[in-house]
């Protein structure tokens, strides 16, 4: 399976948070799956850190580098896909993740209750 992590899922995975479902935890840990980390997730995390909503360890990027994640850059095609999405979700970060999942044929791991309303596959976090 090709999986895309939502922001909260990445943070829960890195902190070994018990909030993460066993299904999501097993999917991320399964070496048969390819786990994608979008640049939009790091962008959202850094914005939240800058405005004081989130605190990160100094070695955040080094911690990410030790994970077996495939980096997913933001492309023009993915950004353009946002214009074809139904206007259901207002969060621009989530809309871009959804667009990436559509364009790249990825399954999103998320706890967000609105994302399943889009034409994407979801694993519940």
PDB file of N, CA and C in Angstrom:
ATOM      1  N   UNK A   1       0.842  -1.175   0.000  1.00  0.00           N
ATOM      2  CA  UNK A   1       0.000   0.000   0.000  1.00  0.00           C
ATOM      3  C   UNK A   1       0.893   1.246   0.000  1.00  0.00           C
ATOM      4  N   UNK A   2       0.405   2.287  -0.646  1.00  0.00           N
ATOM      5  CA  UNK A   2       1.115   3.576  -0.693  1.00  0.00           C
ATOM      6  C   UNK A   2       0.337   4.542   0.187  1.00  0.00           C
ATOM      7  N   UNK A   3       0.962   4.939   1.304  1.00  0.00           N
ATOM      8  CA  UNK A   3       0.262   5.691   2.341  1.00  0.00           C
ATOM      9  C   UNK A   3       0.835   7.090   2.510  1.00  0.00           C
ATOM     10  N   UNK A   4      -0.065   8.038   2.732  1.00  0.00           N
ATOM     11  CA  UNK A   4       0.300   9.433   2.955  1.00  0.00           C
ATOM     12  C   UNK A   4      -0.117   9.820   4.363  1.00  0.00           C
ATOM     13  N   UNK A   5       0.824  10.322   5.146  1.00  0.00           N
ATOM     14  CA  UNK A   5       0.540  10.664   6.540  1.00  0.00           C
ATOM     15  C   UNK A   5      -0.046  12.062   6.660  1.00  0.00           C
ATOM     16  N   UNK A   6      -1.154  12.176   7.396  1.00  0.00           N
ATOM     17  CA  UNK A   6      -1.667  13.485   7.768  1.00  0.00           C
ATOM     18  C   UNK A   6      -0.752  14.026   8.882  1.00  0.00           C
ATOM     19  N   UNK A   7      -0.816  15.316   9.110  1.00  0.00           N
ATOM     20  CA  UNK A   7       0.099  15.970  10.055  1.00  0.00           C
ATOM     21  C   UNK A   7       0.003  15.369  11.450  1.00  0.00           C
ATOM     22  N   UNK A   8      -1.190  15.235  11.975  1.00  0.00           N
ATOM     23  CA  UNK A   8      -1.338  14.694  13.327  1.00  0.00           C
ATOM     24  C   UNK A   8      -0.838  13.256  13.408  1.00  0.00           C
ATOM     25  N   UNK A   9      -0.985  12.509  12.335  1.00  0.00           N
ATOM     26  CA  UNK A   9      -0.512  11.119  12.316  1.00  0.00           C
ATOM     27  C   UNK A   9       1.011  11.083  12.419  1.00  0.00           C
ATOM     28  N   UNK A  10       1.684  11.941  11.673  1.00  0.00           N
ATOM     29  CA  UNK A  10       3.147  11.997  11.779  1.00  0.00           C
ATOM     30  C   UNK A  10       3.570  12.313  13.208  1.00  0.00           C
ATOM     31  N   UNK A  11       2.948  13.322  13.799  1.00  0.00           N
ATOM     32  CA  UNK A  11       3.324  13.708  15.171  1.00  0.00           C
ATOM     33  C   UNK A  11       3.039  12.585  16.154  1.00  0.00           C
ATOM     34  N   UNK A  12       1.908  11.903  16.009  1.00  0.00           N
ATOM     35  CA  UNK A  12       1.589  10.784  16.896  1.00  0.00           C
ATOM     36  C   UNK A  12       2.563   9.632  16.691  1.00  0.00           C
ATOM     37  N   UNK A  13       2.946   9.361  15.453  1.00  0.00           N
ATOM     38  CA  UNK A  13       3.901   8.286  15.160  1.00  0.00           C
ATOM     39  C   UNK A  13       5.251   8.588  15.810  1.00  0.00           C
ATOM     40  N   UNK A  14       5.733   9.813  15.625  1.00  0.00           N
ATOM     41  CA  UNK A  14       7.046  10.172  16.154  1.00  0.00           C
ATOM     42  C   UNK A  14       7.084  10.177  17.681  1.00  0.00           C
ATOM     43  N   UNK A  15       5.959  10.499  18.301  1.00  0.00           N
ATOM     44  CA  UNK A  15       5.919  10.546  19.769  1.00  0.00           C
ATOM     45  C   UNK A  15       5.388   9.243  20.369  1.00  0.00           C
ATOM     46  N   UNK A  16       5.169   8.239  19.512  1.00  0.00           N
ATOM     47  CA  UNK A  16       4.657   6.940  19.944  1.00  0.00           C
ATOM     48  C   UNK A  16       3.367   7.100  20.743  1.00  0.00           C
ATOM     49  N   UNK A  17       2.518   7.961  20.241  1.00  0.00           N
ATOM     50  CA  UNK A  17       1.251   8.322  20.881  1.00  0.00           C
ATOM     51  C   UNK A  17       0.272   7.153  20.843  1.00  0.00           C
ATOM     52  N   UNK A  18      -0.357   6.880  21.968  1.00  0.00           N
ATOM     53  CA  UNK A  18      -1.340   5.790  22.034  1.00  0.00           C
ATOM     54  C   UNK A  18      -2.630   6.136  21.300  1.00  0.00           C
ATOM     55  N   UNK A  19      -2.807   7.407  20.913  1.00  0.00           N
ATOM     56  CA  UNK A  19      -3.999   7.812  20.161  1.00  0.00           C
ATOM     57  C   UNK A  19      -4.059   7.122  18.799  1.00  0.00           C
ATOM     58  N   UNK A  20      -2.924   6.763  18.252  1.00  0.00           N
ATOM     59  CA  UNK A  20      -2.859   6.149  16.929  1.00  0.00           C
ATOM     60  C   UNK A  20      -3.460   4.751  16.981  1.00  0.00           C
ATOM     61  N   UNK A  21      -4.403   4.464  16.079  1.00  0.00           N
ATOM     62  CA  UNK A  21      -5.036   3.145  16.069  1.00  0.00           C
ATOM     63  C   UNK A  21      -4.011   2.058  15.736  1.00  0.00           C
ATOM     64  N   UNK A  22      -4.310   0.846  16.144  1.00  0.00           N
ATOM     65  CA  UNK A  22      -3.402  -0.257  15.828  1.00  0.00           C
ATOM     66  C   UNK A  22      -3.349  -0.487  14.323  1.00  0.00           C
ATOM     67  N   UNK A  23      -4.467  -0.252  13.625  1.00  0.00           N
ATOM     68  CA  UNK A  23      -4.489  -0.397  12.170  1.00  0.00           C
ATOM     69  C   UNK A  23      -3.510   0.589  11.517  1.00  0.00           C
ATOM     70  N   UNK A  24      -3.538   1.826  11.967  1.00  0.00           N
ATOM     71  CA  UNK A  24      -2.639   2.841  11.411  1.00  0.00           C
ATOM     72  C   UNK A  24      -1.187   2.543  11.784  1.00  0.00           C
ATOM     73  N   UNK A  25      -0.963   2.200  13.027  1.00  0.00           N
ATOM     74  CA  UNK A  25       0.400   1.898  13.500  1.00  0.00           C
ATOM     75  C   UNK A  25       0.989   0.722  12.719  1.00  0.00           C
ATOM     76  N   UNK A  26       0.184  -0.331  12.538  1.00  0.00           N
ATOM     77  CA  UNK A  26       0.651  -1.505  11.790  1.00  0.00           C
ATOM     78  C   UNK A  26       0.923  -1.165  10.329  1.00  0.00           C
ATOM     79  N   UNK A  27       0.071  -0.328   9.742  1.00  0.00           N
ATOM     80  CA  UNK A  27       0.251   0.049   8.339  1.00  0.00           C
ATOM     81  C   UNK A  27       1.545   0.843   8.144  1.00  0.00           C
ATOM     82  N   UNK A  28       1.829   1.751   9.061  1.00  0.00           N
ATOM     83  CA  UNK A  28       3.055   2.555   8.962  1.00  0.00           C
ATOM     84  C   UNK A  28       4.290   1.677   9.176  1.00  0.00           C
ATOM     85  N   UNK A  29       4.197   0.746  10.102  1.00  0.00           N
ATOM     86  CA  UNK A  29       5.347  -0.113  10.431  1.00  0.00           C
ATOM     87  C   UNK A  29       5.583  -1.226   9.418  1.00  0.00           C
ATOM     88  N   UNK A  30       4.598  -1.545   8.603  1.00  0.00           N
ATOM     89  CA  UNK A  30       4.702  -2.653   7.658  1.00  0.00           C
ATOM     90  C   UNK A  30       5.709  -2.325   6.555  1.00  0.00           C
ATOM     91  N   UNK A  31       6.807  -3.087   6.465  1.00  0.00           N
ATOM     92  CA  UNK A  31       7.830  -2.797   5.449  1.00  0.00           C
ATOM     93  C   UNK A  31       7.340  -3.008   4.016  1.00  0.00           C
ATOM     94  N   UNK A  32       6.201  -3.665   3.842  1.00  0.00           N
ATOM     95  CA  UNK A  32       5.621  -3.843   2.513  1.00  0.00           C
ATOM     96  C   UNK A  32       4.961  -2.557   2.008  1.00  0.00           C
ATOM     97  N   UNK A  33       4.647  -1.643   2.923  1.00  0.00           N
ATOM     98  CA  UNK A  33       3.993  -0.387   2.550  1.00  0.00           C
ATOM     99  C   UNK A  33       5.030   0.697   2.309  1.00  0.00           C
ATOM    100  N   UNK A  34       4.710   1.600   1.408  1.00  0.00           N
ATOM    101  CA  UNK A  34       5.540   2.780   1.175  1.00  0.00           C
ATOM    102  C   UNK A  34       4.847   3.950   1.843  1.00  0.00           C
ATOM    103  N   UNK A  35       5.564   4.621   2.738  1.00  0.00           N
ATOM    104  CA  UNK A  35       4.995   5.722   3.516  1.00  0.00           C
ATOM    105  C   UNK A  35       5.539   7.040   2.978  1.00  0.00           C
ATOM    106  N   UNK A  36       4.617   7.901   2.555  1.00  0.00           N
ATOM    107  CA  UNK A  36       4.990   9.194   1.993  1.00  0.00           C
ATOM    108  C   UNK A  36       4.801  10.286   3.027  1.00  0.00           C
ATOM    109  N   UNK A  37       5.773  11.180   3.073  1.00  0.00           N
ATOM    110  CA  UNK A  37       5.711  12.362   3.933  1.00  0.00           C
ATOM    111  C   UNK A  37       5.717  13.577   3.027  1.00  0.00           C
ATOM    112  N   UNK A  38       4.600  14.289   3.034  1.00  0.00           N
ATOM    113  CA  UNK A  38       4.469  15.460   2.171  1.00  0.00           C
ATOM    114  C   UNK A  38       5.173  16.672   2.759  1.00  0.00           C
ATOM    115  N   UNK A  39       5.727  17.475   1.875  1.00  0.00           N
ATOM    116  CA  UNK A  39       6.309  18.747   2.292  1.00  0.00           C
ATOM    117  C   UNK A  39       5.259  19.620   2.970  1.00  0.00           C
ATOM    118  N   UNK A  40       3.997  19.460   2.598  1.00  0.00           N
ATOM    119  CA  UNK A  40       2.938  20.271   3.206  1.00  0.00           C
ATOM    120  C   UNK A  40       2.792  19.967   4.699  1.00  0.00           C
ATOM    121  N   UNK A  41       3.080  18.747   5.118  1.00  0.00           N
ATOM    122  CA  UNK A  41       3.001  18.381   6.532  1.00  0.00           C
ATOM    123  C   UNK A  41       4.069  19.128   7.332  1.00  0.00           C
ATOM    124  N   UNK A  42       5.279  19.143   6.832  1.00  0.00           N
ATOM    125  CA  UNK A  42       6.358  19.857   7.530  1.00  0.00           C
ATOM    126  C   UNK A  42       6.076  21.357   7.516  1.00  0.00           C
ATOM    127  N   UNK A  43       5.557  21.860   6.419  1.00  0.00           N
ATOM    128  CA  UNK A  43       5.180  23.266   6.314  1.00  0.00           C
ATOM    129  C   UNK A  43       4.141  23.621   7.387  1.00  0.00           C
ATOM    130  N   UNK A  44       3.094  22.802   7.517  1.00  0.00           N
ATOM    131  CA  UNK A  44       2.069  23.047   8.531  1.00  0.00           C
ATOM    132  C   UNK A  44       2.655  22.980   9.938  1.00  0.00           C
ATOM    133  N   UNK A  45       3.503  22.003  10.197  1.00  0.00           N
ATOM    134  CA  UNK A  45       4.115  21.858  11.518  1.00  0.00           C
ATOM    135  C   UNK A  45       4.957  23.082  11.860  1.00  0.00           C
ATOM    136  N   UNK A  46       5.750  23.541  10.906  1.00  0.00           N
ATOM    137  CA  UNK A  46       6.609  24.702  11.169  1.00  0.00           C
ATOM    138  C   UNK A  46       5.806  25.979  11.370  1.00  0.00           C
ATOM    139  N   UNK A  47       4.700  26.127  10.666  1.00  0.00           N
ATOM    140  CA  UNK A  47       3.831  27.293  10.879  1.00  0.00           C
ATOM    141  C   UNK A  47       3.227  27.236  12.276  1.00  0.00           C
ATOM    142  N   UNK A  48       2.731  26.083  12.668  1.00  0.00           N
ATOM    143  CA  UNK A  48       2.146  25.948  14.008  1.00  0.00           C
ATOM    144  C   UNK A  48       3.190  26.160  15.098  1.00  0.00           C
ATOM    145  N   UNK A  49       4.399  25.725  14.836  1.00  0.00           N
ATOM    146  CA  UNK A  49       5.478  25.960  15.799  1.00  0.00           C
ATOM    147  C   UNK A  49       5.757  27.464  15.907  1.00  0.00           C
ATOM    148  N   UNK A  50       5.805  28.149  14.778  1.00  0.00           N
ATOM    149  CA  UNK A  50       6.123  29.576  14.757  1.00  0.00           C
ATOM    150  C   UNK A  50       5.079  30.425  15.487  1.00  0.00           C
ATOM    151  N   UNK A  51       3.829  29.995  15.455  1.00  0.00           N
ATOM    152  CA  UNK A  51       2.786  30.781  16.131  1.00  0.00           C
ATOM    153  C   UNK A  51       2.503  30.272  17.548  1.00  0.00           C
ATOM    154  N   UNK A  52       3.315  29.331  18.016  1.00  0.00           N
ATOM    155  CA  UNK A  52       3.224  28.881  19.394  1.00  0.00           C
ATOM    156  C   UNK A  52       2.202  27.792  19.671  1.00  0.00           C
ATOM    157  N   UNK A  53       1.643  27.176  18.636  1.00  0.00           N
ATOM    158  CA  UNK A  53       0.661  26.104  18.830  1.00  0.00           C
ATOM    159  C   UNK A  53       1.299  24.736  18.987  1.00  0.00           C
ATOM    160  N   UNK A  54       2.602  24.658  18.752  1.00  0.00           N
ATOM    161  CA  UNK A  54       3.282  23.374  18.743  1.00  0.00           C
ATOM    162  C   UNK A  54       4.729  23.574  19.175  1.00  0.00           C
ATOM    163  N   UNK A  55       5.229  22.640  19.936  1.00  0.00           N
ATOM    164  CA  UNK A  55       6.630  22.672  20.343  1.00  0.00           C
ATOM    165  C   UNK A  55       7.325  21.420  19.807  1.00  0.00           C
ATOM    166  N   UNK A  56       8.461  21.635  19.163  1.00  0.00           N
ATOM    167  CA  UNK A  56       9.198  20.521  18.564  1.00  0.00           C
ATOM    168  C   UNK A  56      10.579  20.401  19.180  1.00  0.00           C
ATOM    169  N   UNK A  57      11.107  19.186  19.191  1.00  0.00           N
ATOM    170  CA  UNK A  57      12.501  19.042  19.645  1.00  0.00           C
ATOM    171  C   UNK A  57      13.445  19.670  18.619  1.00  0.00           C
ATOM    172  N   UNK A  58      14.631  20.059  19.076  1.00  0.00           N
ATOM    173  CA  UNK A  58      15.617  20.669  18.178  1.00  0.00           C
ATOM    174  C   UNK A  58      15.979  19.753  17.019  1.00  0.00           C
ATOM    175  N   UNK A  59      15.967  18.457  17.245  1.00  0.00           N
ATOM    176  CA  UNK A  59      16.398  17.486  16.237  1.00  0.00           C
ATOM    177  C   UNK A  59      15.226  16.962  15.403  1.00  0.00           C
ATOM    178  N   UNK A  60      14.210  17.773  15.191  1.00  0.00           N
ATOM    179  CA  UNK A  60      13.017  17.320  14.473  1.00  0.00           C
ATOM    180  C   UNK A  60      13.357  16.795  13.078  1.00  0.00           C
ATOM    181  N   UNK A  61      14.077  17.544  12.288  1.00  0.00           N
ATOM    182  CA  UNK A  61      14.406  17.135  10.917  1.00  0.00           C
ATOM    183  C   UNK A  61      15.300  15.896  10.925  1.00  0.00           C
ATOM    184  N   UNK A  62      16.218  15.815  11.871  1.00  0.00           N
ATOM    185  CA  UNK A  62      17.069  14.629  11.977  1.00  0.00           C
ATOM    186  C   UNK A  62      16.233  13.395  12.327  1.00  0.00           C
ATOM    187  N   UNK A  63      15.233  13.583  13.184  1.00  0.00           N
ATOM    188  CA  UNK A  63      14.337  12.489  13.536  1.00  0.00           C
ATOM    189  C   UNK A  63      13.563  12.022  12.304  1.00  0.00           C
ATOM    190  N   UNK A  64      13.082  12.972  11.505  1.00  0.00           N
ATOM    191  CA  UNK A  64      12.389  12.616  10.270  1.00  0.00           C
ATOM    192  C   UNK A  64      13.297  11.842   9.322  1.00  0.00           C
ATOM    193  N   UNK A  65      14.541  12.267   9.228  1.00  0.00           N
ATOM    194  CA  UNK A  65      15.492  11.633   8.312  1.00  0.00           C
ATOM    195  C   UNK A  65      15.745  10.167   8.681  1.00  0.00           C
ATOM    196  N   UNK A  66      15.562   9.809   9.949  1.00  0.00           N
ATOM    197  CA  UNK A  66      15.783   8.426  10.384  1.00  0.00           C
ATOM    198  C   UNK A  66      14.588   7.522  10.081  1.00  0.00           C
ATOM    199  N   UNK A  67      13.495   8.110   9.672  1.00  0.00           N
ATOM    200  CA  UNK A  67      12.302   7.326   9.327  1.00  0.00           C
ATOM    201  C   UNK A  67      12.433   6.807   7.894  1.00  0.00           C
ATOM    202  N   UNK A  68      11.734   5.748   7.609  1.00  0.00           N
ATOM    203  CA  UNK A  68      11.779   5.172   6.258  1.00  0.00           C
ATOM    204  C   UNK A  68      10.669   5.773   5.392  1.00  0.00           C
ATOM    205  N   UNK A  69      10.561   7.100   5.424  1.00  0.00           N
ATOM    206  CA  UNK A  69       9.526   7.791   4.662  1.00  0.00           C
ATOM    207  C   UNK A  69      10.090   8.255   3.330  1.00  0.00           C
ATOM    208  N   UNK A  70       9.215   8.293   2.335  1.00  0.00           N
ATOM    209  CA  UNK A  70       9.568   8.835   1.034  1.00  0.00           C
ATOM    210  C   UNK A  70       9.061  10.280   1.002  1.00  0.00           C
ATOM    211  N   UNK A  71       9.963  11.212   0.707  1.00  0.00           N
ATOM    212  CA  UNK A  71       9.564  12.617   0.645  1.00  0.00           C
ATOM    213  C   UNK A  71       8.660  12.844  -0.557  1.00  0.00           C
ATOM    214  N   UNK A  72       7.588  13.595  -0.330  1.00  0.00           N
ATOM    215  CA  UNK A  72       6.654  13.926  -1.398  1.00  0.00           C
ATOM    216  C   UNK A  72       6.642  15.450  -1.556  1.00  0.00           C
ATOM    217  N   UNK A  73       7.306  15.951  -2.589  1.00  0.00           N
ATOM    218  CA  UNK A  73       7.291  17.398  -2.828  1.00  0.00           C
ATOM    219  C   UNK A  73       5.919  17.828  -3.354  1.00  0.00           C
ATOM    220  N   UNK A  74       5.681  19.117  -3.331  1.00  0.00           N
ATOM    221  CA  UNK A  74       4.446  19.673  -3.869  1.00  0.00           C
ATOM    222  C   UNK A  74       4.693  20.042  -5.323  1.00  0.00           C
ATOM    223  N   UNK A  75       3.868  19.495  -6.218  1.00  0.00           N
ATOM    224  CA  UNK A  75       4.029  19.770  -7.643  1.00  0.00           C
ATOM    225  C   UNK A  75       2.935  20.722  -8.134  1.00  0.00           C
ATOM    226  N   UNK A  76       3.160  21.280  -9.305  1.00  0.00           N
ATOM    227  CA  UNK A  76       2.158  22.142  -9.932  1.00  0.00           C
ATOM    228  C   UNK A  76       0.883  21.352 -10.201  1.00  0.00           C
ATOM    229  N   UNK A  77       1.020  20.123 -10.676  1.00  0.00           N
ATOM    230  CA  UNK A  77      -0.157  19.293 -10.957  1.00  0.00           C
ATOM    231  C   UNK A  77      -0.987  19.061  -9.690  1.00  0.00           C
ATOM    232  N   UNK A  78      -0.306  18.794  -8.576  1.00  0.00           N
ATOM    233  CA  UNK A  78      -1.020  18.571  -7.319  1.00  0.00           C
ATOM    234  C   UNK A  78      -1.718  19.851  -6.862  1.00  0.00           C
ATOM    235  N   UNK A  79      -1.026  20.975  -6.945  1.00  0.00           N
ATOM    236  CA  UNK A  79      -1.632  22.249  -6.548  1.00  0.00           C
ATOM    237  C   UNK A  79      -2.837  22.576  -7.429  1.00  0.00           C
ATOM    238  N   UNK A  80      -2.738  22.288  -8.710  1.00  0.00           N
ATOM    239  CA  UNK A  80      -3.841  22.541  -9.628  1.00  0.00           C
ATOM    240  C   UNK A  80      -5.041  21.642  -9.337  1.00  0.00           C
ATOM    241  N   UNK A  81      -4.803  20.439  -8.856  1.00  0.00           N
ATOM    242  CA  UNK A  81      -5.882  19.491  -8.539  1.00  0.00           C
ATOM    243  C   UNK A  81      -6.840  20.068  -7.494  1.00  0.00           C
ATOM    244  N   UNK A  82      -6.364  20.960  -6.651  1.00  0.00           N
ATOM    245  CA  UNK A  82      -7.217  21.580  -5.627  1.00  0.00           C
ATOM    246  C   UNK A  82      -8.441  22.230  -6.275  1.00  0.00           C
ATOM    247  N   UNK A  83      -8.288  22.785  -7.469  1.00  0.00           N
ATOM    248  CA  UNK A  83      -9.408  23.459  -8.142  1.00  0.00           C
ATOM    249  C   UNK A  83     -10.518  22.490  -8.533  1.00  0.00           C
ATOM    250  N   UNK A  84     -10.229  21.201  -8.586  1.00  0.00           N
ATOM    251  CA  UNK A  84     -11.232  20.200  -8.953  1.00  0.00           C
ATOM    252  C   UNK A  84     -11.853  19.507  -7.734  1.00  0.00           C
ATOM    253  N   UNK A  85     -11.365  19.823  -6.553  1.00  0.00           N
ATOM    254  CA  UNK A  85     -11.919  19.203  -5.348  1.00  0.00           C
ATOM    255  C   UNK A  85     -13.211  19.888  -4.935  1.00  0.00           C
ATOM    256  N   UNK A  86     -14.176  19.119  -4.449  1.00  0.00           N
ATOM    257  CA  UNK A  86     -15.376  19.745  -3.897  1.00  0.00           C
ATOM    258  C   UNK A  86     -14.988  20.655  -2.722  1.00  0.00           C
ATOM    259  N   UNK A  87     -15.748  21.697  -2.525  1.00  0.00           N
ATOM    260  CA  UNK A  87     -15.446  22.666  -1.461  1.00  0.00           C
ATOM    261  C   UNK A  87     -16.032  22.190  -0.130  1.00  0.00           C
ATOM    262  N   UNK A  88     -15.450  21.108   0.381  1.00  0.00           N
ATOM    263  CA  UNK A  88     -15.939  20.498   1.620  1.00  0.00           C
ATOM    264  C   UNK A  88     -15.074  20.926   2.806  1.00  0.00           C
ATOM    265  N   UNK A  89     -13.782  20.844   2.638  1.00  0.00           N
ATOM    266  CA  UNK A  89     -12.823  21.114   3.710  1.00  0.00           C
ATOM    267  C   UNK A  89     -12.235  22.502   3.526  1.00  0.00           C
ATOM    268  N   UNK A  90     -12.148  23.254   4.601  1.00  0.00           N
ATOM    269  CA  UNK A  90     -11.624  24.617   4.537  1.00  0.00           C
ATOM    270  C   UNK A  90     -10.117  24.695   4.813  1.00  0.00           C
ATOM    271  N   UNK A  91      -9.543  23.672   5.407  1.00  0.00           N
ATOM    272  CA  UNK A  91      -8.126  23.701   5.779  1.00  0.00           C
ATOM    273  C   UNK A  91      -7.264  23.563   4.521  1.00  0.00           C
ATOM    274  N   UNK A  92      -6.462  24.585   4.203  1.00  0.00           N
ATOM    275  CA  UNK A  92      -5.663  24.520   2.970  1.00  0.00           C
ATOM    276  C   UNK A  92      -4.610  23.417   2.982  1.00  0.00           C
ATOM    277  N   UNK A  93      -4.080  23.086   4.144  1.00  0.00           N
ATOM    278  CA  UNK A  93      -3.095  22.012   4.229  1.00  0.00           C
ATOM    279  C   UNK A  93      -3.751  20.669   3.900  1.00  0.00           C
ATOM    280  N   UNK A  94      -4.917  20.428   4.476  1.00  0.00           N
ATOM    281  CA  UNK A  94      -5.626  19.175   4.203  1.00  0.00           C
ATOM    282  C   UNK A  94      -6.067  19.103   2.748  1.00  0.00           C
ATOM    283  N   UNK A  95      -6.499  20.211   2.182  1.00  0.00           N
ATOM    284  CA  UNK A  95      -6.905  20.210   0.776  1.00  0.00           C
ATOM    285  C   UNK A  95      -5.729  19.838  -0.127  1.00  0.00           C
ATOM    286  N   UNK A  96      -4.544  20.339   0.203  1.00  0.00           N
ATOM    287  CA  UNK A  96      -3.376  19.989  -0.603  1.00  0.00           C
ATOM    288  C   UNK A  96      -3.000  18.520  -0.406  1.00  0.00           C
ATOM    289  N   UNK A  97      -3.090  18.004   0.820  1.00  0.00           N
ATOM    290  CA  UNK A  97      -2.840  16.573   1.041  1.00  0.00           C
ATOM    291  C   UNK A  97      -3.828  15.719   0.245  1.00  0.00           C
ATOM    292  N   UNK A  98      -5.086  16.122   0.233  1.00  0.00           N
ATOM    293  CA  UNK A  98      -6.100  15.386  -0.529  1.00  0.00           C
ATOM    294  C   UNK A  98      -5.747  15.411  -2.015  1.00  0.00           C
ATOM    295  N   UNK A  99      -5.381  16.580  -2.515  1.00  0.00           N
ATOM    296  CA  UNK A  99      -4.999  16.701  -3.933  1.00  0.00           C
ATOM    297  C   UNK A  99      -3.796  15.815  -4.248  1.00  0.00           C
ATOM    298  N   UNK A 100      -2.821  15.774  -3.349  1.00  0.00           N
ATOM    299  CA  UNK A 100      -1.662  14.911  -3.557  1.00  0.00           C
ATOM    300  C   UNK A 100      -2.093  13.443  -3.602  1.00  0.00           C
ATOM    301  N   UNK A 101      -2.989  13.059  -2.710  1.00  0.00           N
ATOM    302  CA  UNK A 101      -3.469  11.669  -2.693  1.00  0.00           C
ATOM    303  C   UNK A 101      -4.190  11.320  -3.985  1.00  0.00           C
ATOM    304  N   UNK A 102      -4.972  12.257  -4.504  1.00  0.00           N
ATOM    305  CA  UNK A 102      -5.684  12.015  -5.759  1.00  0.00           C
ATOM    306  C   UNK A 102      -4.696  11.852  -6.908  1.00  0.00           C
ATOM    307  N   UNK A 103      -3.791  12.805  -7.049  1.00  0.00           N
ATOM    308  CA  UNK A 103      -2.853  12.801  -8.186  1.00  0.00           C
ATOM    309  C   UNK A 103      -1.903  11.611  -8.118  1.00  0.00           C
ATOM    310  N   UNK A 104      -1.411  11.304  -6.931  1.00  0.00           N
ATOM    311  CA  UNK A 104      -0.399  10.253  -6.771  1.00  0.00           C
ATOM    312  C   UNK A 104      -0.999   8.884  -6.436  1.00  0.00           C
ATOM    313  N   UNK A 105      -2.324   8.796  -6.347  1.00  0.00           N
ATOM    314  CA  UNK A 105      -3.022   7.550  -6.010  1.00  0.00           C
ATOM    315  C   UNK A 105      -2.539   6.974  -4.681  1.00  0.00           C
ATOM    316  N   UNK A 106      -2.645   7.798  -3.637  1.00  0.00           N
ATOM    317  CA  UNK A 106      -2.200   7.425  -2.296  1.00  0.00           C
ATOM    318  C   UNK A 106      -3.404   7.277  -1.366  1.00  0.00           C
ATOM    319  N   UNK A 107      -3.223   6.495  -0.325  1.00  0.00           N
ATOM    320  CA  UNK A 107      -4.200   6.356   0.745  1.00  0.00           C
ATOM    321  C   UNK A 107      -3.747   7.234   1.901  1.00  0.00           C
ATOM    322  N   UNK A 108      -4.644   8.060   2.417  1.00  0.00           N
ATOM    323  CA  UNK A 108      -4.295   8.966   3.514  1.00  0.00           C
ATOM    324  C   UNK A 108      -4.582   8.292   4.854  1.00  0.00           C
ATOM    325  N   UNK A 109      -3.614   8.348   5.760  1.00  0.00           N
ATOM    326  CA  UNK A 109      -3.850   7.922   7.140  1.00  0.00           C
ATOM    327  C   UNK A 109      -4.208   9.182   7.915  1.00  0.00           C
ATOM    328  N   UNK A 110      -5.428   9.219   8.465  1.00  0.00           N
ATOM    329  CA  UNK A 110      -5.907  10.422   9.142  1.00  0.00           C
ATOM    330  C   UNK A 110      -6.998  10.090  10.143  1.00  0.00           C
ATOM    331  N   UNK A 111      -7.191  10.980  11.087  1.00  0.00           N
ATOM    332  CA  UNK A 111      -8.336  10.917  11.989  1.00  0.00           C
ATOM    333  C   UNK A 111      -9.364  11.980  11.599  1.00  0.00           C
ATOM    334  N   UNK A 112      -9.030  12.809  10.632  1.00  0.00           N
ATOM    335  CA  UNK A 112      -9.908  13.892  10.182  1.00  0.00           C
ATOM    336  C   UNK A 112     -11.218  13.302   9.647  1.00  0.00           C
ATOM    337  N   UNK A 113     -12.334  13.742  10.202  1.00  0.00           N
ATOM    338  CA  UNK A 113     -13.632  13.170   9.826  1.00  0.00           C
ATOM    339  C   UNK A 113     -14.161  13.691   8.492  1.00  0.00           C
ATOM    340  N   UNK A 114     -13.561  14.743   7.934  1.00  0.00           N
ATOM    341  CA  UNK A 114     -14.035  15.325   6.685  1.00  0.00           C
ATOM    342  C   UNK A 114     -13.329  14.715   5.468  1.00  0.00           C
ATOM    343  N   UNK A 115     -12.084  14.317   5.617  1.00  0.00           N
ATOM    344  CA  UNK A 115     -11.302  13.800   4.486  1.00  0.00           C
ATOM    345  C   UNK A 115     -11.988  12.612   3.791  1.00  0.00           C
ATOM    346  N   UNK A 116     -12.624  11.692   4.509  1.00  0.00           N
ATOM    347  CA  UNK A 116     -13.301  10.588   3.807  1.00  0.00           C
ATOM    348  C   UNK A 116     -14.458  11.034   2.888  1.00  0.00           C
ATOM    349  N   UNK A 117     -14.893  12.279   3.002  1.00  0.00           N
ATOM    350  CA  UNK A 117     -15.925  12.800   2.106  1.00  0.00           C
ATOM    351  C   UNK A 117     -15.393  13.086   0.711  1.00  0.00           C
ATOM    352  N   UNK A 118     -14.086  13.021   0.536  1.00  0.00           N
ATOM    353  CA  UNK A 118     -13.451  13.231  -0.759  1.00  0.00           C
ATOM    354  C   UNK A 118     -13.214  11.891  -1.445  1.00  0.00           C
ATOM    355  N   UNK A 119     -12.941  11.913  -2.738  1.00  0.00           N
ATOM    356  CA  UNK A 119     -12.707  10.652  -3.471  1.00  0.00           C
ATOM    357  C   UNK A 119     -11.287  10.113  -3.256  1.00  0.00           C
ATOM    358  N   UNK A 120     -10.972   9.806  -1.982  1.00  0.00           N
ATOM    359  CA  UNK A 120      -9.656   9.239  -1.634  1.00  0.00           C
ATOM    360  C   UNK A 120      -9.873   8.076  -0.681  1.00  0.00           C
ATOM    361  N   UNK A 121      -8.921   7.158  -0.683  1.00  0.00           N
ATOM    362  CA  UNK A 121      -8.933   6.063   0.274  1.00  0.00           C
ATOM    363  C   UNK A 121      -8.342   6.565   1.594  1.00  0.00           C
ATOM    364  N   UNK A 122      -8.885   6.048   2.695  1.00  0.00           N
ATOM    365  CA  UNK A 122      -8.453   6.501   4.020  1.00  0.00           C
ATOM    366  C   UNK A 122      -8.238   5.297   4.935  1.00  0.00           C
ATOM    367  N   UNK A 123      -7.158   5.355   5.713  1.00  0.00           N
ATOM    368  CA  UNK A 123      -6.964   4.447   6.841  1.00  0.00           C
ATOM    369  C   UNK A 123      -7.188   5.289   8.079  1.00  0.00           C
ATOM    370  N   UNK A 124      -8.051   4.830   8.955  1.00  0.00           N
ATOM    371  CA  UNK A 124      -8.384   5.597  10.152  1.00  0.00           C
ATOM    372  C   UNK A 124      -7.237   5.581  11.151  1.00  0.00           C
ATOM    373  N   UNK A 125      -6.880   6.770  11.576  1.00  0.00           N
ATOM    374  CA  UNK A 125      -5.810   6.900  12.563  1.00  0.00           C
ATOM    375  C   UNK A 125      -6.389   6.920  13.954  1.00  0.00           C
TER     376      UNK A 125
END
